[in-house]
Amino acid sequence: MIRAIGFPASITALHLFTQDASLKAHSAYRQAKAGDRDAALELVLDFSATWLGECHARFKPGLIFVAPHALEASGDNAI
């Protein structure tokens, strides 16, 4: 897929993982991937709440948050 609008070269993307093994090992992962909203919320909060707090100082006023999304082989990413 070719993106119509990409991120500017000046942007610094923040990411929590370079490998997804710990994410996939989480007890709520399978249910979250299957579309269970409560499990997805648990998974996201368990991994991201502390990390986002640590990154908070890097966020500028007027920050625009873009939720991650992926179209996977099995359909839309349920998490």
N, C-alpha and C. Protein backbone atom coordinates (compact mmCIF):
# COMPACT_ATOMS: atom_id res chain seq x y z
N MET A 1 0.84 -1.17 0.00
CA MET A 1 0.00 0.00 0.00
C MET A 1 0.89 1.23 0.00
N ILE A 2 0.60 2.17 -0.85
CA ILE A 2 1.33 3.42 -0.91
C ILE A 2 0.56 4.45 -0.09
N ARG A 3 1.25 5.09 0.83
CA ARG A 3 0.61 6.11 1.67
C ARG A 3 0.45 7.40 0.89
N ALA A 4 -0.72 7.99 0.99
CA ALA A 4 -0.98 9.26 0.31
C ALA A 4 -0.33 10.42 1.07
N ILE A 5 -0.35 10.35 2.39
CA ILE A 5 0.22 11.41 3.21
C ILE A 5 1.11 10.75 4.25
N GLY A 6 2.39 10.97 4.16
CA GLY A 6 3.33 10.36 5.10
C GLY A 6 3.69 11.32 6.21
N PHE A 7 4.48 10.85 7.16
CA PHE A 7 4.97 11.70 8.23
C PHE A 7 6.13 12.54 7.70
N PRO A 8 6.24 13.79 8.13
CA PRO A 8 7.38 14.60 7.70
C PRO A 8 8.69 14.04 8.25
N ALA A 9 9.78 14.30 7.55
CA ALA A 9 11.09 13.80 7.97
C ALA A 9 11.50 14.33 9.33
N SER A 10 10.95 15.45 9.74
CA SER A 10 11.33 16.08 11.01
C SER A 10 10.69 15.43 12.23
N ILE A 11 9.76 14.53 12.02
CA ILE A 11 9.03 13.93 13.14
C ILE A 11 9.87 12.88 13.86
N THR A 12 9.71 12.81 15.16
CA THR A 12 10.32 11.75 15.95
C THR A 12 9.20 10.83 16.42
N ALA A 13 9.17 9.65 15.87
CA ALA A 13 8.13 8.69 16.25
C ALA A 13 8.54 7.99 17.54
N LEU A 14 7.59 7.84 18.44
CA LEU A 14 7.83 7.11 19.68
C LEU A 14 7.25 5.72 19.53
N HIS A 15 7.97 4.73 19.98
CA HIS A 15 7.45 3.37 19.93
C HIS A 15 7.85 2.64 21.20
N LEU A 16 7.01 1.75 21.60
CA LEU A 16 7.21 1.02 22.84
C LEU A 16 7.98 -0.28 22.62
N PHE A 17 7.80 -0.89 21.47
CA PHE A 17 8.42 -2.19 21.21
C PHE A 17 9.29 -2.17 19.96
N THR A 18 10.37 -2.93 20.00
CA THR A 18 11.11 -3.27 18.79
C THR A 18 10.91 -4.75 18.48
N GLN A 19 10.48 -5.50 19.49
CA GLN A 19 10.12 -6.92 19.36
C GLN A 19 8.78 -7.09 20.06
N ASP A 20 7.94 -7.97 19.57
CA ASP A 20 6.59 -8.09 20.14
C ASP A 20 6.39 -9.31 21.04
N ALA A 21 7.46 -9.99 21.43
CA ALA A 21 7.32 -11.21 22.24
C ALA A 21 6.63 -10.95 23.57
N SER A 22 7.00 -9.87 24.27
CA SER A 22 6.38 -9.61 25.57
C SER A 22 4.91 -9.22 25.41
N LEU A 23 4.58 -8.55 24.34
CA LEU A 23 3.19 -8.21 24.05
C LEU A 23 2.37 -9.48 23.84
N LYS A 24 2.87 -10.36 23.02
CA LYS A 24 2.15 -11.59 22.70
C LYS A 24 2.08 -12.56 23.88
N ALA A 25 2.98 -12.40 24.86
CA ALA A 25 2.98 -13.26 26.04
C ALA A 25 2.00 -12.77 27.11
N HIS A 26 1.47 -11.58 26.96
CA HIS A 26 0.55 -11.01 27.95
C HIS A 26 -0.72 -11.87 28.02
N SER A 27 -1.26 -12.04 29.21
CA SER A 27 -2.42 -12.91 29.41
C SER A 27 -3.67 -12.45 28.66
N ALA A 28 -3.77 -11.18 28.32
CA ALA A 28 -4.96 -10.67 27.63
C ALA A 28 -4.78 -10.60 26.11
N TYR A 29 -3.61 -10.92 25.62
CA TYR A 29 -3.32 -10.73 24.19
C TYR A 29 -4.27 -11.49 23.26
N ARG A 30 -4.44 -12.78 23.48
CA ARG A 30 -5.27 -13.58 22.56
C ARG A 30 -6.72 -13.07 22.52
N GLN A 31 -7.26 -12.76 23.69
CA GLN A 31 -8.63 -12.26 23.74
C GLN A 31 -8.73 -10.88 23.07
N ALA A 32 -7.72 -10.06 23.30
CA ALA A 32 -7.70 -8.73 22.69
C ALA A 32 -7.66 -8.85 21.17
N LYS A 33 -6.82 -9.73 20.65
CA LYS A 33 -6.71 -9.94 19.20
C LYS A 33 -8.02 -10.47 18.63
N ALA A 34 -8.77 -11.19 19.44
CA ALA A 34 -10.05 -11.75 18.99
C ALA A 34 -11.18 -10.71 19.03
N GLY A 35 -10.86 -9.50 19.52
CA GLY A 35 -11.87 -8.44 19.52
C GLY A 35 -12.49 -8.13 20.87
N ASP A 36 -11.99 -8.74 21.95
CA ASP A 36 -12.52 -8.46 23.28
C ASP A 36 -12.03 -7.08 23.72
N ARG A 37 -12.95 -6.13 23.82
CA ARG A 37 -12.58 -4.75 24.13
C ARG A 37 -11.98 -4.61 25.52
N ASP A 38 -12.52 -5.31 26.50
CA ASP A 38 -11.98 -5.23 27.86
C ASP A 38 -10.55 -5.76 27.91
N ALA A 39 -10.31 -6.86 27.21
CA ALA A 39 -8.96 -7.43 27.17
C ALA A 39 -8.01 -6.48 26.45
N ALA A 40 -8.47 -5.86 25.38
CA ALA A 40 -7.62 -4.90 24.65
C ALA A 40 -7.27 -3.71 25.54
N LEU A 41 -8.24 -3.20 26.28
CA LEU A 41 -7.98 -2.09 27.19
C LEU A 41 -6.97 -2.50 28.26
N GLU A 42 -7.15 -3.68 28.83
CA GLU A 42 -6.21 -4.18 29.84
C GLU A 42 -4.80 -4.25 29.27
N LEU A 43 -4.68 -4.79 28.08
CA LEU A 43 -3.38 -4.95 27.42
C LEU A 43 -2.73 -3.58 27.18
N VAL A 44 -3.48 -2.67 26.61
CA VAL A 44 -2.93 -1.35 26.31
C VAL A 44 -2.54 -0.61 27.58
N LEU A 45 -3.39 -0.66 28.60
CA LEU A 45 -3.06 0.03 29.85
C LEU A 45 -1.85 -0.58 30.54
N ASP A 46 -1.78 -1.90 30.55
CA ASP A 46 -0.65 -2.57 31.21
C ASP A 46 0.68 -2.17 30.59
N PHE A 47 0.70 -2.01 29.28
CA PHE A 47 1.96 -1.67 28.63
C PHE A 47 2.20 -0.17 28.48
N SER A 48 1.16 0.59 28.25
CA SER A 48 1.38 1.97 27.83
C SER A 48 1.26 3.03 28.90
N ALA A 49 0.52 2.81 29.96
CA ALA A 49 0.26 3.87 30.94
C ALA A 49 1.56 4.43 31.52
N THR A 50 2.42 3.59 32.02
CA THR A 50 3.69 4.05 32.59
C THR A 50 4.57 4.67 31.51
N TRP A 51 4.65 4.03 30.37
CA TRP A 51 5.49 4.51 29.27
C TRP A 51 5.05 5.89 28.80
N LEU A 52 3.76 6.10 28.65
CA LEU A 52 3.27 7.41 28.23
C LEU A 52 3.60 8.48 29.27
N GLY A 53 3.50 8.12 30.55
CA GLY A 53 3.90 9.05 31.61
C GLY A 53 5.36 9.44 31.50
N GLU A 54 6.19 8.46 31.20
CA GLU A 54 7.63 8.72 31.04
C GLU A 54 7.91 9.60 29.83
N CYS A 55 7.10 9.49 28.80
CA CYS A 55 7.30 10.26 27.57
C CYS A 55 6.64 11.64 27.61
N HIS A 56 5.83 11.87 28.62
CA HIS A 56 5.00 13.07 28.68
C HIS A 56 5.78 14.36 28.45
N ALA A 57 6.97 14.47 28.98
CA ALA A 57 7.76 15.69 28.84
C ALA A 57 8.12 15.98 27.38
N ARG A 58 8.09 14.96 26.54
CA ARG A 58 8.41 15.15 25.12
C ARG A 58 7.23 15.66 24.31
N PHE A 59 6.02 15.62 24.90
CA PHE A 59 4.82 16.03 24.18
C PHE A 59 4.69 17.55 24.21
N LYS A 60 4.53 18.14 23.07
CA LYS A 60 4.38 19.58 22.97
C LYS A 60 2.90 19.94 23.07
N PRO A 61 2.61 21.18 23.49
CA PRO A 61 1.21 21.62 23.50
C PRO A 61 0.62 21.48 22.09
N GLY A 62 -0.61 21.07 22.01
CA GLY A 62 -1.26 20.90 20.72
C GLY A 62 -0.94 19.58 20.05
N LEU A 63 -0.36 18.67 20.82
CA LEU A 63 -0.01 17.35 20.29
C LEU A 63 -1.20 16.70 19.62
N ILE A 64 -0.97 16.07 18.50
CA ILE A 64 -2.00 15.29 17.82
C ILE A 64 -1.62 13.83 17.99
N PHE A 65 -2.49 13.06 18.63
CA PHE A 65 -2.24 11.65 18.85
C PHE A 65 -2.88 10.86 17.72
N VAL A 66 -2.12 9.98 17.12
CA VAL A 66 -2.63 9.11 16.06
C VAL A 66 -2.61 7.69 16.59
N ALA A 67 -3.79 7.11 16.73
CA ALA A 67 -3.88 5.75 17.23
C ALA A 67 -3.29 4.78 16.22
N PRO A 68 -2.56 3.78 16.70
CA PRO A 68 -2.01 2.79 15.77
C PRO A 68 -3.13 1.98 15.13
N HIS A 69 -2.89 1.58 13.92
CA HIS A 69 -3.87 0.77 13.20
C HIS A 69 -3.11 -0.10 12.22
N ALA A 70 -3.60 -1.28 12.01
CA ALA A 70 -2.97 -2.17 11.03
C ALA A 70 -4.04 -3.04 10.37
N LEU A 71 -3.91 -3.20 9.08
CA LEU A 71 -4.72 -4.17 8.35
C LEU A 71 -3.84 -5.41 8.23
N GLU A 72 -4.24 -6.47 8.91
CA GLU A 72 -3.45 -7.68 8.97
C GLU A 72 -4.06 -8.76 8.08
N ALA A 73 -3.37 -9.87 7.95
CA ALA A 73 -3.86 -10.97 7.12
C ALA A 73 -5.25 -11.44 7.56
N SER A 74 -5.51 -11.37 8.89
CA SER A 74 -6.79 -11.84 9.40
C SER A 74 -7.85 -10.75 9.45
N GLY A 75 -7.52 -9.55 8.99
CA GLY A 75 -8.47 -8.43 9.00
C GLY A 75 -7.92 -7.26 9.78
N ASP A 76 -8.78 -6.34 10.16
CA ASP A 76 -8.34 -5.18 10.93
C ASP A 76 -7.77 -5.63 12.27
N ASN A 77 -6.73 -4.94 12.72
CA ASN A 77 -6.14 -5.22 14.02
C ASN A 77 -7.19 -4.91 15.08
N ALA A 78 -7.54 -5.88 15.88
CA ALA A 78 -8.59 -5.72 16.87
C ALA A 78 -8.13 -4.97 18.12
N ILE A 79 -6.83 -4.81 18.27
CA ILE A 79 -6.30 -4.12 19.45
C ILE A 79 -6.19 -2.65 19.11
